């Protein structure tokens, strides 16, 4: 389910029952849902037993780990697929290309930009390495906007990069949740 509200609404139980029936009949292998914020997980996991949960995770939005939900889901045998590791491309932008509406987080961007420069790391490399460093994540879903972008990601060498900037996480939904932009 793409939108958690579809499951939490009046038809949610019926929808889940039908999905579960399709799974039992072998028509589909796994069922799950996508979330926008970890706060949605408590009610969803109280009412449904997914095989997969898809959630945002990146250098700014580490709430999946810091909240303890990643570990809880792994203990429940749930596969965790993460998306938005580039935060809709925002983490890949240079300071000059970043839209002005994000200037209110200038201190955070300063730490990110300085860390990249000091460590001579490209943002694409840092974002991929950060997501890959979390061993409890099963899959990383990546969006691309061009063939060159896809090639750049596909041919990027695996990294031993493990030291990431500190104090860069944000809990501000107006920044880390692109649906609020």
Protein backbone atom coordinates (compact mmCIF):
# COMPACT_ATOMS: atom_id res chain seq x y z
CA UNK A 1 0.00 0.00 0.00
CA UNK A 2 1.49 3.28 -1.09
CA UNK A 3 -0.36 5.50 1.35
CA UNK A 4 -0.74 4.45 5.02
CA UNK A 5 -4.02 6.38 5.23
CA UNK A 6 -5.55 3.82 2.87
CA UNK A 7 -5.01 1.14 5.51
CA UNK A 8 -5.94 3.31 8.46
CA UNK A 9 -9.19 4.43 6.84
CA UNK A 10 -12.61 2.73 6.99
CA UNK A 11 -11.78 0.16 4.27
CA UNK A 12 -8.27 -0.64 5.52
CA UNK A 13 -9.06 -3.99 7.14
CA UNK A 14 -10.99 -5.17 4.10
CA UNK A 15 -8.19 -4.12 1.74
CA UNK A 16 -5.61 -5.93 3.88
CA UNK A 17 -7.80 -9.05 4.04
CA UNK A 18 -8.01 -9.13 0.23
CA UNK A 19 -4.26 -8.65 -0.11
CA UNK A 20 -3.68 -11.45 2.39
CA UNK A 21 -6.08 -13.71 0.43
CA UNK A 22 -4.10 -13.06 -2.76
CA UNK A 23 -0.92 -13.93 -0.90
CA UNK A 24 -2.41 -17.18 0.47
CA UNK A 25 -3.52 -18.14 -3.04
CA UNK A 26 0.02 -17.56 -4.34
CA UNK A 27 -0.98 -14.65 -6.58
CA UNK A 28 1.43 -12.34 -4.77
CA UNK A 29 4.43 -13.21 -2.62
CA UNK A 30 4.67 -10.36 -0.17
CA UNK A 31 2.52 -7.51 1.07
CA UNK A 32 3.42 -4.38 2.90
CA UNK A 33 3.12 -0.66 3.06
CA UNK A 34 5.02 2.55 2.60
CA UNK A 35 5.25 5.19 5.31
CA UNK A 36 6.21 8.85 5.28
CA UNK A 37 7.06 9.20 8.98
CA UNK A 38 7.94 6.60 11.62
CA UNK A 39 5.08 7.86 13.79
CA UNK A 40 2.75 5.98 11.44
CA UNK A 41 4.28 2.61 12.32
CA UNK A 42 2.75 2.12 15.75
CA UNK A 43 -0.86 1.99 14.57
CA UNK A 44 -0.02 0.19 11.33
CA UNK A 45 1.94 -2.61 13.01
CA UNK A 46 -0.68 -2.92 15.73
CA UNK A 47 -3.30 -3.73 13.08
CA UNK A 48 -1.38 -5.35 10.21
CA UNK A 49 1.36 -7.95 9.75
CA UNK A 50 3.40 -6.85 6.72
CA UNK A 51 6.18 -8.71 4.99
CA UNK A 52 7.76 -5.43 3.85
CA UNK A 53 7.80 -1.84 5.06
CA UNK A 54 9.17 0.92 2.85
CA UNK A 55 10.38 4.03 4.69
CA UNK A 56 12.46 7.16 4.14
CA UNK A 57 16.05 7.08 5.38
CA UNK A 58 18.94 9.41 4.69
CA UNK A 59 21.68 11.41 6.38
CA UNK A 60 19.12 13.98 7.57
CA UNK A 61 16.24 11.62 8.34
CA UNK A 62 17.61 8.89 10.57
CA UNK A 63 14.39 8.47 12.54
CA UNK A 64 13.95 4.87 11.37
CA UNK A 65 17.06 3.95 13.37
CA UNK A 66 17.00 6.47 16.22
CA UNK A 67 13.37 5.69 17.06
CA UNK A 68 14.20 1.99 17.43
CA UNK A 69 11.65 1.03 14.75
CA UNK A 70 14.20 -0.48 12.39
CA UNK A 71 15.37 -2.91 15.06
CA UNK A 72 11.78 -3.70 16.12
CA UNK A 73 10.75 -4.49 12.56
CA UNK A 74 13.75 -6.72 12.03
CA UNK A 75 12.86 -8.61 15.24
CA UNK A 76 9.36 -9.09 13.78
CA UNK A 77 10.84 -10.54 10.59
CA UNK A 78 9.78 -7.60 8.43
CA UNK A 79 11.89 -6.68 5.42
CA UNK A 80 12.81 -3.00 5.42
CA UNK A 81 13.24 -1.17 2.15
CA UNK A 82 14.39 2.45 2.33
CA UNK A 83 13.85 5.25 -0.13
CA UNK A 84 14.61 8.95 -0.34
CA UNK A 85 18.31 8.44 0.38
CA UNK A 86 18.98 11.57 -1.69
CA UNK A 87 16.01 13.42 -0.15
CA UNK A 88 14.45 14.04 -3.58
CA UNK A 89 17.88 15.17 -4.84
CA UNK A 90 18.24 17.89 -2.23
CA UNK A 91 21.27 16.21 -0.65
CA UNK A 92 22.99 16.08 -4.04
CA UNK A 93 22.63 19.79 -4.75
CA UNK A 94 25.41 22.30 -4.35
CA UNK A 95 24.83 25.24 -2.04
CA UNK A 96 24.22 27.50 -5.03
CA UNK A 97 21.62 25.14 -6.54
CA UNK A 98 19.67 24.52 -3.35
CA UNK A 99 16.31 26.36 -3.43
CA UNK A 100 16.06 29.39 -1.15
CA UNK A 101 13.17 27.92 0.83
CA UNK A 102 15.71 25.58 2.43
CA UNK A 103 17.88 28.44 3.70
CA UNK A 104 16.21 28.33 7.13
CA UNK A 105 18.25 25.16 7.74
CA UNK A 106 21.49 26.91 6.76
CA UNK A 107 23.43 25.66 9.81
CA UNK A 108 22.58 22.08 8.96
CA UNK A 109 23.48 22.62 5.29
CA UNK A 110 26.73 24.24 6.39
CA UNK A 111 27.69 21.13 8.38
CA UNK A 112 26.80 18.90 5.40
CA UNK A 113 28.66 21.01 2.83
CA UNK A 114 31.71 21.41 5.08
CA UNK A 115 31.85 17.70 5.84
CA UNK A 116 31.71 16.84 2.13
CA UNK A 117 34.47 19.34 1.36
CA UNK A 118 36.71 18.37 4.29
CA UNK A 119 36.41 14.67 3.47
CA UNK A 120 36.63 15.17 -0.31
CA UNK A 121 33.48 13.11 -0.79
CA UNK A 122 30.89 13.57 -3.50
CA UNK A 123 27.34 13.84 -2.12
CA UNK A 124 26.11 10.89 -4.22
CA UNK A 125 28.85 8.69 -2.79
CA UNK A 126 28.15 9.85 0.78
CA UNK A 127 24.39 9.25 0.51
CA UNK A 128 24.81 5.75 -0.90
CA UNK A 129 27.50 4.85 1.62
CA UNK A 130 25.34 6.10 4.49
CA UNK A 131 22.38 3.94 3.46
CA UNK A 132 24.61 0.93 2.79
CA UNK A 133 26.27 1.27 6.20
CA UNK A 134 23.04 0.33 7.99
CA UNK A 135 23.19 -3.47 7.94
CA UNK A 136 19.58 -4.01 9.03
CA UNK A 137 18.23 -2.42 5.85
CA UNK A 138 17.29 -5.07 3.30
CA UNK A 139 16.94 -2.97 0.16
CA UNK A 140 17.58 0.56 -1.03
CA UNK A 141 15.17 2.04 -3.56
CA UNK A 142 16.76 4.70 -5.71
CA UNK A 143 15.14 7.17 -8.04
CA UNK A 144 17.08 8.60 -10.95
CA UNK A 145 16.38 11.50 -13.27
CA UNK A 146 18.60 10.62 -16.22
CA UNK A 147 20.53 7.80 -17.86
CA UNK A 148 23.79 9.43 -16.74
CA UNK A 149 22.55 9.53 -13.14
CA UNK A 150 21.69 5.82 -13.35
CA UNK A 151 25.13 4.99 -14.78
CA UNK A 152 26.86 7.06 -12.11
CA UNK A 153 25.03 5.13 -9.37
CA UNK A 154 25.43 1.73 -11.03
CA UNK A 155 29.17 2.07 -11.52
CA UNK A 156 29.97 3.68 -8.18
CA UNK A 157 32.43 1.55 -6.26
CA UNK A 158 31.38 0.12 -2.92
CA UNK A 159 32.72 2.29 -0.19
CA UNK A 160 34.33 1.75 3.15
CA UNK A 161 33.14 5.19 4.18
CA UNK A 162 31.80 4.82 7.71
CA UNK A 163 32.46 8.14 9.44
CA UNK A 164 29.59 10.45 8.69
CA UNK A 165 28.91 13.98 9.89
CA UNK A 166 27.63 14.26 13.43
CA UNK A 167 24.74 16.44 14.55
CA UNK A 168 23.24 16.54 11.09
CA UNK A 169 20.03 14.65 11.74
CA UNK A 170 16.83 16.65 11.61
CA UNK A 171 13.42 15.85 13.05
CA UNK A 172 11.82 18.80 11.27
CA UNK A 173 9.12 17.29 9.06
CA UNK A 174 9.09 20.47 6.98
CA UNK A 175 12.58 19.53 5.83
CA UNK A 176 12.72 15.73 5.85
CA UNK A 177 9.24 15.00 4.50
CA UNK A 178 9.12 16.11 0.84
CA UNK A 179 5.31 15.98 0.83
CA UNK A 180 5.46 19.10 3.02
CA UNK A 181 7.54 21.09 0.57
